[in-house]
Structure formats: structure tokens, C-alpha cells
Amino acid sequence: MHFQPLPTTGSSGGPIVDESTGAVVGVMLGTRMDSSVEGVRGWGVPAETIFEVRTERLMVNSTLTRLSDV
């Protein structure tokens, strides 16, 4: 996920907010140079990816807990 304007120093881990809806759509990771044409842009992880990874981990932990109870 790329975005403008660039994040400020120390804002890694902060929310990326959709200006039109106010919804959190991702989490900031930092900046990167994509190309000499596009220049430096902010980049982050989309909220959907975070949700999917978190859900998978919860499911795995739940399964492991049930197996350890046997």
C-alpha cells in the first residue's frame, strides 16, 4: 500500500486513514523510493492483511489449545 503525503519521522505503526470516510485502511511502515518518476512515497500494510493474519493466528492458537487439552 502506497500513499501520499510522506509519513513523519516516528509515525511508523500509526493508522493510514481514508480522508473521505475516516476509516482506518492500513498501518504505516515507513517510506521508500519506488522510482525516479514516482519518487519517495509512504508505504504500509492494508488493514485487510492485518485482519487476515490475526484471524489465522487466532484459529491456529485455538486449535493448538484444544489439542493440548486432550
N, C-alpha and C. Protein backbone atom coordinates (compact mmCIF):
# COMPACT_ATOMS: atom_id res chain seq x y z
N MET A 1 0.86 -1.16 0.00
CA MET A 1 0.00 0.00 0.00
C MET A 1 0.90 1.22 0.00
N HIS A 2 0.72 2.10 -0.99
CA HIS A 2 1.49 3.34 -1.07
C HIS A 2 0.56 4.52 -0.83
N PHE A 3 1.11 5.58 -0.28
CA PHE A 3 0.28 6.75 -0.01
C PHE A 3 1.11 8.03 0.01
N GLN A 4 0.43 9.13 -0.13
CA GLN A 4 1.00 10.47 -0.01
C GLN A 4 0.14 11.23 0.98
N PRO A 5 0.59 12.16 1.73
CA PRO A 5 1.96 12.64 1.85
C PRO A 5 2.80 11.66 2.63
N LEU A 6 4.11 11.90 2.64
CA LEU A 6 5.04 11.04 3.36
C LEU A 6 4.75 11.06 4.86
N PRO A 7 4.94 9.91 5.52
CA PRO A 7 4.77 9.90 6.97
C PRO A 7 5.90 10.69 7.63
N THR A 8 5.62 11.25 8.78
CA THR A 8 6.64 11.98 9.52
C THR A 8 7.49 11.00 10.33
N THR A 9 8.66 11.42 10.69
CA THR A 9 9.56 10.59 11.50
C THR A 9 8.85 10.16 12.78
N GLY A 10 8.93 8.88 13.07
CA GLY A 10 8.33 8.34 14.28
C GLY A 10 6.88 7.92 14.15
N SER A 11 6.32 8.02 12.94
CA SER A 11 4.90 7.68 12.79
C SER A 11 4.67 6.23 12.36
N SER A 12 5.73 5.44 12.26
CA SER A 12 5.57 4.02 11.93
C SER A 12 4.65 3.36 12.95
N GLY A 13 3.74 2.54 12.45
CA GLY A 13 2.77 1.88 13.32
C GLY A 13 1.49 2.68 13.49
N GLY A 14 1.48 3.90 12.97
CA GLY A 14 0.28 4.74 13.05
C GLY A 14 -0.74 4.36 11.99
N PRO A 15 -1.96 4.83 12.13
CA PRO A 15 -3.01 4.48 11.18
C PRO A 15 -2.88 5.24 9.86
N ILE A 16 -3.29 4.58 8.78
CA ILE A 16 -3.49 5.24 7.49
C ILE A 16 -4.99 5.40 7.37
N VAL A 17 -5.45 6.65 7.28
CA VAL A 17 -6.88 6.94 7.32
C VAL A 17 -7.37 7.41 5.96
N ASP A 18 -8.49 6.85 5.50
CA ASP A 18 -9.15 7.30 4.27
C ASP A 18 -9.79 8.64 4.57
N GLU A 19 -9.35 9.68 3.87
CA GLU A 19 -9.87 11.03 4.13
C GLU A 19 -11.36 11.17 3.89
N SER A 20 -11.89 10.44 2.92
CA SER A 20 -13.31 10.61 2.59
C SER A 20 -14.23 9.90 3.58
N THR A 21 -13.78 8.77 4.16
CA THR A 21 -14.66 8.02 5.06
C THR A 21 -14.23 8.08 6.52
N GLY A 22 -12.98 8.42 6.76
CA GLY A 22 -12.46 8.43 8.13
C GLY A 22 -12.10 7.05 8.63
N ALA A 23 -12.20 6.05 7.76
CA ALA A 23 -11.91 4.67 8.15
C ALA A 23 -10.40 4.42 8.15
N VAL A 24 -9.94 3.60 9.08
CA VAL A 24 -8.54 3.17 9.09
C VAL A 24 -8.40 2.10 8.02
N VAL A 25 -7.52 2.34 7.04
CA VAL A 25 -7.36 1.41 5.93
C VAL A 25 -6.02 0.70 5.95
N GLY A 26 -5.15 1.04 6.90
CA GLY A 26 -3.85 0.39 6.98
C GLY A 26 -3.02 0.92 8.12
N VAL A 27 -1.79 0.42 8.20
CA VAL A 27 -0.84 0.83 9.22
C VAL A 27 0.46 1.24 8.53
N MET A 28 0.99 2.40 8.90
CA MET A 28 2.22 2.93 8.30
C MET A 28 3.43 2.11 8.69
N LEU A 29 4.31 1.89 7.69
CA LEU A 29 5.57 1.21 7.95
C LEU A 29 6.77 2.12 7.73
N GLY A 30 6.68 3.04 6.78
CA GLY A 30 7.82 3.92 6.51
C GLY A 30 7.72 4.55 5.14
N THR A 31 8.90 4.85 4.57
CA THR A 31 8.97 5.44 3.23
C THR A 31 9.87 4.59 2.36
N ARG A 32 9.69 4.73 1.06
CA ARG A 32 10.58 4.03 0.14
C ARG A 32 10.60 4.73 -1.20
N MET A 33 11.71 4.58 -1.93
CA MET A 33 11.86 5.13 -3.26
C MET A 33 11.40 4.08 -4.25
N ASP A 34 10.30 4.36 -4.95
CA ASP A 34 9.78 3.39 -5.92
C ASP A 34 10.45 3.54 -7.29
N SER A 35 10.64 4.77 -7.72
CA SER A 35 11.32 5.01 -8.99
C SER A 35 11.64 6.50 -9.07
N SER A 36 12.48 6.85 -10.01
CA SER A 36 12.82 8.27 -10.14
C SER A 36 11.62 9.08 -10.62
N VAL A 37 10.65 8.43 -11.26
CA VAL A 37 9.45 9.12 -11.72
C VAL A 37 8.46 9.31 -10.57
N GLU A 38 8.18 8.24 -9.84
CA GLU A 38 7.21 8.30 -8.74
C GLU A 38 7.81 8.91 -7.48
N GLY A 39 9.11 8.79 -7.32
CA GLY A 39 9.79 9.36 -6.17
C GLY A 39 9.52 8.59 -4.89
N VAL A 40 9.76 9.26 -3.77
CA VAL A 40 9.59 8.63 -2.46
C VAL A 40 8.13 8.70 -2.06
N ARG A 41 7.60 7.59 -1.59
CA ARG A 41 6.22 7.54 -1.12
C ARG A 41 6.18 6.80 0.20
N GLY A 42 5.12 7.05 0.94
CA GLY A 42 4.90 6.28 2.16
C GLY A 42 4.41 4.89 1.79
N TRP A 43 4.66 3.93 2.65
CA TRP A 43 4.13 2.58 2.41
C TRP A 43 3.69 1.97 3.72
N GLY A 44 2.75 1.06 3.59
CA GLY A 44 2.19 0.44 4.78
C GLY A 44 1.50 -0.86 4.45
N VAL A 45 0.89 -1.43 5.47
CA VAL A 45 0.18 -2.70 5.34
C VAL A 45 -1.32 -2.41 5.32
N PRO A 46 -2.06 -2.94 4.34
CA PRO A 46 -3.50 -2.75 4.31
C PRO A 46 -4.17 -3.41 5.54
N ALA A 47 -5.23 -2.79 6.02
CA ALA A 47 -5.95 -3.31 7.19
C ALA A 47 -6.46 -4.73 6.96
N GLU A 48 -6.86 -5.04 5.73
CA GLU A 48 -7.37 -6.38 5.43
C GLU A 48 -6.30 -7.45 5.69
N THR A 49 -5.05 -7.14 5.34
CA THR A 49 -3.95 -8.08 5.54
C THR A 49 -3.73 -8.33 7.03
N ILE A 50 -3.76 -7.27 7.81
CA ILE A 50 -3.59 -7.40 9.26
C ILE A 50 -4.71 -8.26 9.84
N PHE A 51 -5.93 -8.01 9.41
CA PHE A 51 -7.09 -8.79 9.89
C PHE A 51 -6.93 -10.26 9.54
N GLU A 52 -6.54 -10.55 8.29
CA GLU A 52 -6.40 -11.95 7.85
C GLU A 52 -5.32 -12.68 8.64
N VAL A 53 -4.17 -12.04 8.83
CA VAL A 53 -3.08 -12.67 9.57
C VAL A 53 -3.49 -12.90 11.02
N ARG A 54 -4.13 -11.91 11.61
CA ARG A 54 -4.57 -12.03 13.01
C ARG A 54 -5.60 -13.15 13.15
N THR A 55 -6.54 -13.24 12.23
CA THR A 55 -7.57 -14.28 12.27
C THR A 55 -6.94 -15.66 12.15
N GLU A 56 -5.98 -15.81 11.23
CA GLU A 56 -5.30 -17.10 11.05
C GLU A 56 -4.58 -17.50 12.33
N ARG A 57 -3.90 -16.56 12.96
CA ARG A 57 -3.17 -16.88 14.19
C ARG A 57 -4.12 -17.27 15.31
N LEU A 58 -5.25 -16.59 15.41
CA LEU A 58 -6.23 -16.94 16.43
C LEU A 58 -6.76 -18.35 16.21
N MET A 59 -7.00 -18.70 14.95
CA MET A 59 -7.50 -20.04 14.64
C MET A 59 -6.46 -21.10 14.99
N VAL A 60 -5.20 -20.85 14.65
CA VAL A 60 -4.12 -21.80 14.96
C VAL A 60 -3.98 -21.95 16.46
N ASN A 61 -3.97 -20.83 17.19
CA ASN A 61 -3.84 -20.89 18.64
C ASN A 61 -5.00 -21.65 19.28
N SER A 62 -6.20 -21.44 18.76
CA SER A 62 -7.38 -22.13 19.28
C SER A 62 -7.25 -23.64 19.06
N THR A 63 -6.79 -24.03 17.88
CA THR A 63 -6.61 -25.44 17.56
C THR A 63 -5.54 -26.06 18.46
N LEU A 64 -4.43 -25.37 18.64
CA LEU A 64 -3.35 -25.88 19.48
C LEU A 64 -3.81 -26.02 20.93
N THR A 65 -4.62 -25.08 21.40
CA THR A 65 -5.12 -25.15 22.77
C THR A 65 -6.02 -26.37 22.93
N ARG A 66 -6.91 -26.62 21.96
CA ARG A 66 -7.79 -27.79 22.03
C ARG A 66 -6.99 -29.08 22.00
N LEU A 67 -5.94 -29.14 21.19
CA LEU A 67 -5.12 -30.34 21.10
C LEU A 67 -4.36 -30.59 22.40
N SER A 68 -3.93 -29.53 23.05
CA SER A 68 -3.19 -29.70 24.30
C SER A 68 -4.10 -30.12 25.45
N ASP A 69 -5.40 -29.88 25.31
CA ASP A 69 -6.37 -30.28 26.35
C ASP A 69 -6.69 -31.77 26.29
N VAL A 70 -6.30 -32.40 25.18
CA VAL A 70 -6.63 -33.82 25.01
C VAL A 70 -5.74 -34.70 25.84
